[in-house]
PDB file of all heavy atoms in Angstrom:
ATOM      1  N   ILE A   1     167.997  -2.508 143.792  1.00  0.00           N
ATOM      2  CA  ILE A   1     167.206  -2.115 144.963  1.00  0.00           C
ATOM      3  C   ILE A   1     167.544  -3.075 146.100  1.00  0.00           C
ATOM      4  O   ILE A   1     167.353  -4.286 145.990  1.00  0.00           O
ATOM      5  CB  ILE A   1     165.706  -2.158 144.653  1.00  0.00           C
ATOM      6  CG1 ILE A   1     165.368  -1.204 143.496  1.00  0.00           C
ATOM      7  CG2 ILE A   1     164.904  -1.787 145.898  1.00  0.00           C
ATOM      8  CD1 ILE A   1     163.932  -1.296 143.012  1.00  0.00           C
ATOM      9  N   PHE A   2     168.077  -2.504 147.187  1.00  0.00           N
ATOM     10  CA  PHE A   2     168.458  -3.299 148.347  1.00  0.00           C
ATOM     11  C   PHE A   2     167.528  -2.951 149.502  1.00  0.00           C
ATOM     12  O   PHE A   2     167.533  -1.810 149.985  1.00  0.00           O
ATOM     13  CB  PHE A   2     169.907  -3.019 148.750  1.00  0.00           C
ATOM     14  CG  PHE A   2     170.913  -3.337 147.678  1.00  0.00           C
ATOM     15  CD1 PHE A   2     171.408  -2.337 146.849  1.00  0.00           C
ATOM     16  CD2 PHE A   2     171.368  -4.638 147.503  1.00  0.00           C
ATOM     17  CE1 PHE A   2     172.332  -2.624 145.861  1.00  0.00           C
ATOM     18  CE2 PHE A   2     172.296  -4.934 146.523  1.00  0.00           C
ATOM     19  CZ  PHE A   2     172.783  -3.933 145.697  1.00  0.00           C
ATOM     20  N   PRO A   3     166.704  -3.914 149.955  1.00  0.00           N
ATOM     21  CA  PRO A   3     165.787  -3.645 151.075  1.00  0.00           C
ATOM     22  C   PRO A   3     166.539  -3.107 152.295  1.00  0.00           C
ATOM     23  O   PRO A   3     167.609  -3.593 152.642  1.00  0.00           O
ATOM     24  CB  PRO A   3     165.167  -5.021 151.355  1.00  0.00           C
ATOM     25  CG  PRO A   3     165.277  -5.749 150.049  1.00  0.00           C
ATOM     26  CD  PRO A   3     166.566  -5.286 149.440  1.00  0.00           C
ATOM     27  N   LYS A   4     165.964  -2.083 152.921  1.00  0.00           N
ATOM     28  CA  LYS A   4     166.490  -1.448 154.133  1.00  0.00           C
ATOM     29  C   LYS A   4     167.815  -0.708 153.902  1.00  0.00           C
ATOM     30  O   LYS A   4     168.406  -0.206 154.857  1.00  0.00           O
ATOM     31  CB  LYS A   4     166.661  -2.466 155.261  1.00  0.00           C
ATOM     32  CG  LYS A   4     165.364  -3.155 155.681  1.00  0.00           C
ATOM     33  CD  LYS A   4     165.586  -4.113 156.839  1.00  0.00           C
ATOM     34  CE  LYS A   4     164.285  -4.783 157.245  1.00  0.00           C
ATOM     35  NZ  LYS A   4     164.464  -5.733 158.383  1.00  0.00           N
ATOM     36  N   ILE A   5     168.271  -0.661 152.660  1.00  0.00           N
ATOM     37  CA  ILE A   5     169.501   0.082 152.354  1.00  0.00           C
ATOM     38  C   ILE A   5     169.211   1.209 151.371  1.00  0.00           C
ATOM     39  O   ILE A   5     169.523   2.361 151.621  1.00  0.00           O
ATOM     40  CB  ILE A   5     170.597  -0.852 151.796  1.00  0.00           C
ATOM     41  CG1 ILE A   5     170.979  -1.902 152.838  1.00  0.00           C
ATOM     42  CG2 ILE A   5     171.837  -0.036 151.382  1.00  0.00           C
ATOM     43  CD1 ILE A   5     171.975  -2.915 152.345  1.00  0.00           C
ATOM     44  N   GLY A   6     168.585   0.869 150.250  1.00  0.00           N
ATOM     45  CA  GLY A   6     168.247   1.907 149.279  1.00  0.00           C
ATOM     46  C   GLY A   6     168.368   1.416 147.846  1.00  0.00           C
ATOM     47  O   GLY A   6     168.657   0.241 147.581  1.00  0.00           O
ATOM     48  N   SER A   7     168.148   2.325 146.928  1.00  0.00           N
ATOM     49  CA  SER A   7     168.240   2.042 145.500  1.00  0.00           C
ATOM     50  C   SER A   7     169.475   2.728 144.920  1.00  0.00           C
ATOM     51  O   SER A   7     169.815   3.855 145.319  1.00  0.00           O
ATOM     52  CB  SER A   7     166.981   2.539 144.768  1.00  0.00           C
ATOM     53  OG  SER A   7     165.827   1.885 145.260  1.00  0.00           O
ATOM     54  N   PHE A   8     170.110   2.063 143.974  1.00  0.00           N
ATOM     55  CA  PHE A   8     171.346   2.567 143.401  1.00  0.00           C
ATOM     56  C   PHE A   8     171.366   2.302 141.900  1.00  0.00           C
ATOM     57  O   PHE A   8     170.801   1.308 141.431  1.00  0.00           O
ATOM     58  CB  PHE A   8     172.568   1.867 144.022  1.00  0.00           C
ATOM     59  CG  PHE A   8     172.692   2.076 145.508  1.00  0.00           C
ATOM     60  CD1 PHE A   8     171.938   1.317 146.387  1.00  0.00           C
ATOM     61  CD2 PHE A   8     173.553   3.037 146.020  1.00  0.00           C
ATOM     62  CE1 PHE A   8     172.029   1.502 147.768  1.00  0.00           C
ATOM     63  CE2 PHE A   8     173.646   3.223 147.387  1.00  0.00           C
ATOM     64  CZ  PHE A   8     172.894   2.459 148.260  1.00  0.00           C
ATOM     65  N   VAL A   9     172.026   3.196 141.174  1.00  0.00           N
ATOM     66  CA  VAL A   9     172.295   2.921 139.767  1.00  0.00           C
ATOM     67  C   VAL A   9     173.253   1.734 139.712  1.00  0.00           C
ATOM     68  O   VAL A   9     174.261   1.705 140.420  1.00  0.00           O
ATOM     69  CB  VAL A   9     172.926   4.144 139.077  1.00  0.00           C
ATOM     70  CG1 VAL A   9     173.265   3.810 137.619  1.00  0.00           C
ATOM     71  CG2 VAL A   9     171.998   5.356 139.147  1.00  0.00           C
ATOM     72  N   SER A  10     172.931   0.749 138.911  1.00  0.00           N
ATOM     73  CA  SER A  10     173.817  -0.404 138.781  1.00  0.00           C
ATOM     74  C   SER A  10     175.172   0.030 138.237  1.00  0.00           C
ATOM     75  O   SER A  10     175.249   0.875 137.339  1.00  0.00           O
ATOM     76  CB  SER A  10     173.212  -1.441 137.830  1.00  0.00           C
ATOM     77  OG  SER A  10     171.999  -1.940 138.328  1.00  0.00           O
ATOM     78  N   ARG A  11     176.199  -0.551 138.793  1.00  0.00           N
ATOM     79  CA  ARG A  11     177.513  -0.324 138.220  1.00  0.00           C
ATOM     80  C   ARG A  11     177.608  -1.086 136.896  1.00  0.00           C
ATOM     81  O   ARG A  11     176.919  -2.080 136.696  1.00  0.00           O
ATOM     82  CB  ARG A  11     178.592  -0.736 139.206  1.00  0.00           C
ATOM     83  CG  ARG A  11     178.600   0.187 140.434  1.00  0.00           C
ATOM     84  CD  ARG A  11     179.752  -0.083 141.382  1.00  0.00           C
ATOM     85  NE  ARG A  11     179.549  -1.326 142.128  1.00  0.00           N
ATOM     86  CZ  ARG A  11     180.407  -1.772 143.043  1.00  0.00           C
ATOM     87  NH1 ARG A  11     181.511  -1.079 143.307  1.00  0.00           N
ATOM     88  NH2 ARG A  11     180.167  -2.906 143.682  1.00  0.00           N
ATOM     89  N   VAL A  12     178.440  -0.607 135.992  1.00  0.00           N
ATOM     90  CA  VAL A  12     178.551  -1.225 134.671  1.00  0.00           C
ATOM     91  C   VAL A  12     179.088  -2.648 134.825  1.00  0.00           C
ATOM     92  O   VAL A  12     180.125  -2.862 135.441  1.00  0.00           O
ATOM     93  CB  VAL A  12     179.473  -0.400 133.753  1.00  0.00           C
ATOM     94  CG1 VAL A  12     179.654  -1.110 132.408  1.00  0.00           C
ATOM     95  CG2 VAL A  12     178.906   0.999 133.550  1.00  0.00           C
ATOM     96  N   ASP A  13     178.364  -3.591 134.280  1.00  0.00           N
ATOM     97  CA  ASP A  13     178.724  -5.003 134.393  1.00  0.00           C
ATOM     98  C   ASP A  13     179.432  -5.447 133.116  1.00  0.00           C
ATOM     99  O   ASP A  13     178.788  -5.569 132.062  1.00  0.00           O
ATOM    100  CB  ASP A  13     177.462  -5.836 134.617  1.00  0.00           C
ATOM    101  CG  ASP A  13     177.765  -7.299 134.893  1.00  0.00           C
ATOM    102  OD1 ASP A  13     178.873  -7.749 134.560  1.00  0.00           O
ATOM    103  OD2 ASP A  13     176.887  -7.986 135.440  1.00  0.00           O
ATOM    104  N   PRO A  14     180.745  -5.694 133.162  1.00  0.00           N
ATOM    105  CA  PRO A  14     181.468  -6.102 131.949  1.00  0.00           C
ATOM    106  C   PRO A  14     180.889  -7.349 131.293  1.00  0.00           C
ATOM    107  O   PRO A  14     180.938  -7.493 130.066  1.00  0.00           O
ATOM    108  CB  PRO A  14     182.897  -6.350 132.455  1.00  0.00           C
ATOM    109  CG  PRO A  14     183.029  -5.452 133.647  1.00  0.00           C
ATOM    110  CD  PRO A  14     181.671  -5.502 134.300  1.00  0.00           C
ATOM    111  N   ALA A  15     180.330  -8.262 132.102  1.00  0.00           N
ATOM    112  CA  ALA A  15     179.736  -9.466 131.523  1.00  0.00           C
ATOM    113  C   ALA A  15     178.508  -9.112 130.683  1.00  0.00           C
ATOM    114  O   ALA A  15     178.311  -9.672 129.588  1.00  0.00           O
ATOM    115  CB  ALA A  15     179.355 -10.446 132.634  1.00  0.00           C
ATOM    116  N   GLN A  16     177.683  -8.176 131.180  1.00  0.00           N
ATOM    117  CA  GLN A  16     176.511  -7.765 130.407  1.00  0.00           C
ATOM    118  C   GLN A  16     176.915  -6.937 129.197  1.00  0.00           C
ATOM    119  O   GLN A  16     176.252  -6.979 128.154  1.00  0.00           O
ATOM    120  CB  GLN A  16     175.542  -6.982 131.294  1.00  0.00           C
ATOM    121  CG  GLN A  16     174.898  -7.831 132.384  1.00  0.00           C
ATOM    122  CD  GLN A  16     173.700  -7.151 133.013  1.00  0.00           C
ATOM    123  OE1 GLN A  16     172.819  -6.634 132.328  1.00  0.00           O
ATOM    124  NE2 GLN A  16     173.652  -7.148 134.345  1.00  0.00           N
ATOM    125  N   VAL A  17     178.007  -6.182 129.323  1.00  0.00           N
ATOM    126  CA  VAL A  17     178.541  -5.455 128.164  1.00  0.00           C
ATOM    127  C   VAL A  17     178.937  -6.453 127.082  1.00  0.00           C
ATOM    128  O   VAL A  17     178.617  -6.285 125.901  1.00  0.00           O
ATOM    129  CB  VAL A  17     179.757  -4.593 128.556  1.00  0.00           C
ATOM    130  CG1 VAL A  17     180.418  -4.006 127.313  1.00  0.00           C
ATOM    131  CG2 VAL A  17     179.328  -3.470 129.489  1.00  0.00           C
ATOM    132  N   ALA A  18     179.637  -7.516 127.486  1.00  0.00           N
ATOM    133  CA  ALA A  18     180.092  -8.516 126.526  1.00  0.00           C
ATOM    134  C   ALA A  18     178.912  -9.210 125.848  1.00  0.00           C
ATOM    135  O   ALA A  18     178.940  -9.457 124.636  1.00  0.00           O
ATOM    136  CB  ALA A  18     180.987  -9.540 127.223  1.00  0.00           C
ATOM    137  N   ASP A  19     177.869  -9.525 126.617  1.00  0.00           N
ATOM    138  CA  ASP A  19     176.692 -10.175 126.035  1.00  0.00           C
ATOM    139  C   ASP A  19     176.016  -9.271 125.007  1.00  0.00           C
ATOM    140  O   ASP A  19     175.640  -9.711 123.913  1.00  0.00           O
ATOM    141  CB  ASP A  19     175.687 -10.538 127.135  1.00  0.00           C
ATOM    142  CG  ASP A  19     176.139 -11.724 127.976  1.00  0.00           C
ATOM    143  OD1 ASP A  19     177.060 -12.445 127.547  1.00  0.00           O
ATOM    144  OD2 ASP A  19     175.579 -11.913 129.075  1.00  0.00           O
ATOM    145  N   ALA A  20     175.851  -7.993 125.368  1.00  0.00           N
ATOM    146  CA  ALA A  20     175.192  -7.045 124.465  1.00  0.00           C
ATOM    147  C   ALA A  20     176.039  -6.798 123.225  1.00  0.00           C
ATOM    148  O   ALA A  20     175.519  -6.675 122.108  1.00  0.00           O
ATOM    149  CB  ALA A  20     174.904  -5.735 125.187  1.00  0.00           C
ATOM    150  N   GLN A  21     177.358  -6.724 123.415  1.00  0.00           N
ATOM    151  CA  GLN A  21     178.244  -6.518 122.279  1.00  0.00           C
ATOM    152  C   GLN A  21     178.199  -7.723 121.339  1.00  0.00           C
ATOM    153  O   GLN A  21     178.197  -7.565 120.111  1.00  0.00           O
ATOM    154  CB  GLN A  21     179.671  -6.258 122.760  1.00  0.00           C
ATOM    155  CG  GLN A  21     180.606  -5.664 121.703  1.00  0.00           C
ATOM    156  CD  GLN A  21     181.124  -6.727 120.743  1.00  0.00           C
ATOM    157  OE1 GLN A  21     181.202  -7.895 121.089  1.00  0.00           O
ATOM    158  NE2 GLN A  21     181.487  -6.309 119.538  1.00  0.00           N
ATOM    159  N   PHE A  22     178.133  -8.918 121.909  1.00  0.00           N
ATOM    160  CA  PHE A  22     178.027 -10.135 121.098  1.00  0.00           C
ATOM    161  C   PHE A  22     176.758 -10.103 120.244  1.00  0.00           C
ATOM    162  O   PHE A  22     176.790 -10.395 119.041  1.00  0.00           O
ATOM    163  CB  PHE A  22     178.020 -11.361 122.012  1.00  0.00           C
ATOM    164  CG  PHE A  22     177.791 -12.660 121.293  1.00  0.00           C
ATOM    165  CD1 PHE A  22     178.836 -13.312 120.661  1.00  0.00           C
ATOM    166  CD2 PHE A  22     176.526 -13.220 121.243  1.00  0.00           C
ATOM    167  CE1 PHE A  22     178.618 -14.509 119.973  1.00  0.00           C
ATOM    168  CE2 PHE A  22     176.304 -14.414 120.572  1.00  0.00           C
ATOM    169  CZ  PHE A  22     177.354 -15.059 119.939  1.00  0.00           C
ATOM    170  N   LEU A  23     175.650  -9.733 120.877  1.00  0.00           N
ATOM    171  CA  LEU A  23     174.381  -9.635 120.157  1.00  0.00           C
ATOM    172  C   LEU A  23     174.467  -8.585 119.066  1.00  0.00           C
ATOM    173  O   LEU A  23     174.072  -8.827 117.913  1.00  0.00           O
ATOM    174  CB  LEU A  23     173.254  -9.296 121.136  1.00  0.00           C
ATOM    175  CG  LEU A  23     171.889  -8.953 120.513  1.00  0.00           C
ATOM    176  CD1 LEU A  23     171.324 -10.159 119.788  1.00  0.00           C
ATOM    177  CD2 LEU A  23     170.928  -8.465 121.590  1.00  0.00           C
ATOM    178  N   ARG A  24     174.996  -7.419 119.420  1.00  0.00           N
ATOM    179  CA  ARG A  24     175.057  -6.329 118.450  1.00  0.00           C
ATOM    180  C   ARG A  24     175.957  -6.697 117.270  1.00  0.00           C
ATOM    181  O   ARG A  24     175.593  -6.468 116.111  1.00  0.00           O
ATOM    182  CB  ARG A  24     175.584  -5.061 119.133  1.00  0.00           C
ATOM    183  CG  ARG A  24     175.644  -3.883 118.185  1.00  0.00           C
ATOM    184  CD  ARG A  24     176.111  -2.612 118.857  1.00  0.00           C
ATOM    185  NE  ARG A  24     176.083  -1.520 117.892  1.00  0.00           N
ATOM    186  CZ  ARG A  24     176.475  -0.291 118.152  1.00  0.00           C
ATOM    187  NH1 ARG A  24     176.911   0.030 119.358  1.00  0.00           N
ATOM    188  NH2 ARG A  24     176.419   0.636 117.218  1.00  0.00           N
TER     189      ARG A  24
END
């Protein structure tokens, strides 16, 4: 959510993918 711009679906974050994959 960006004030005065709008809300957007987050783009896929490879770093968060790696963290989740590590946990899984």
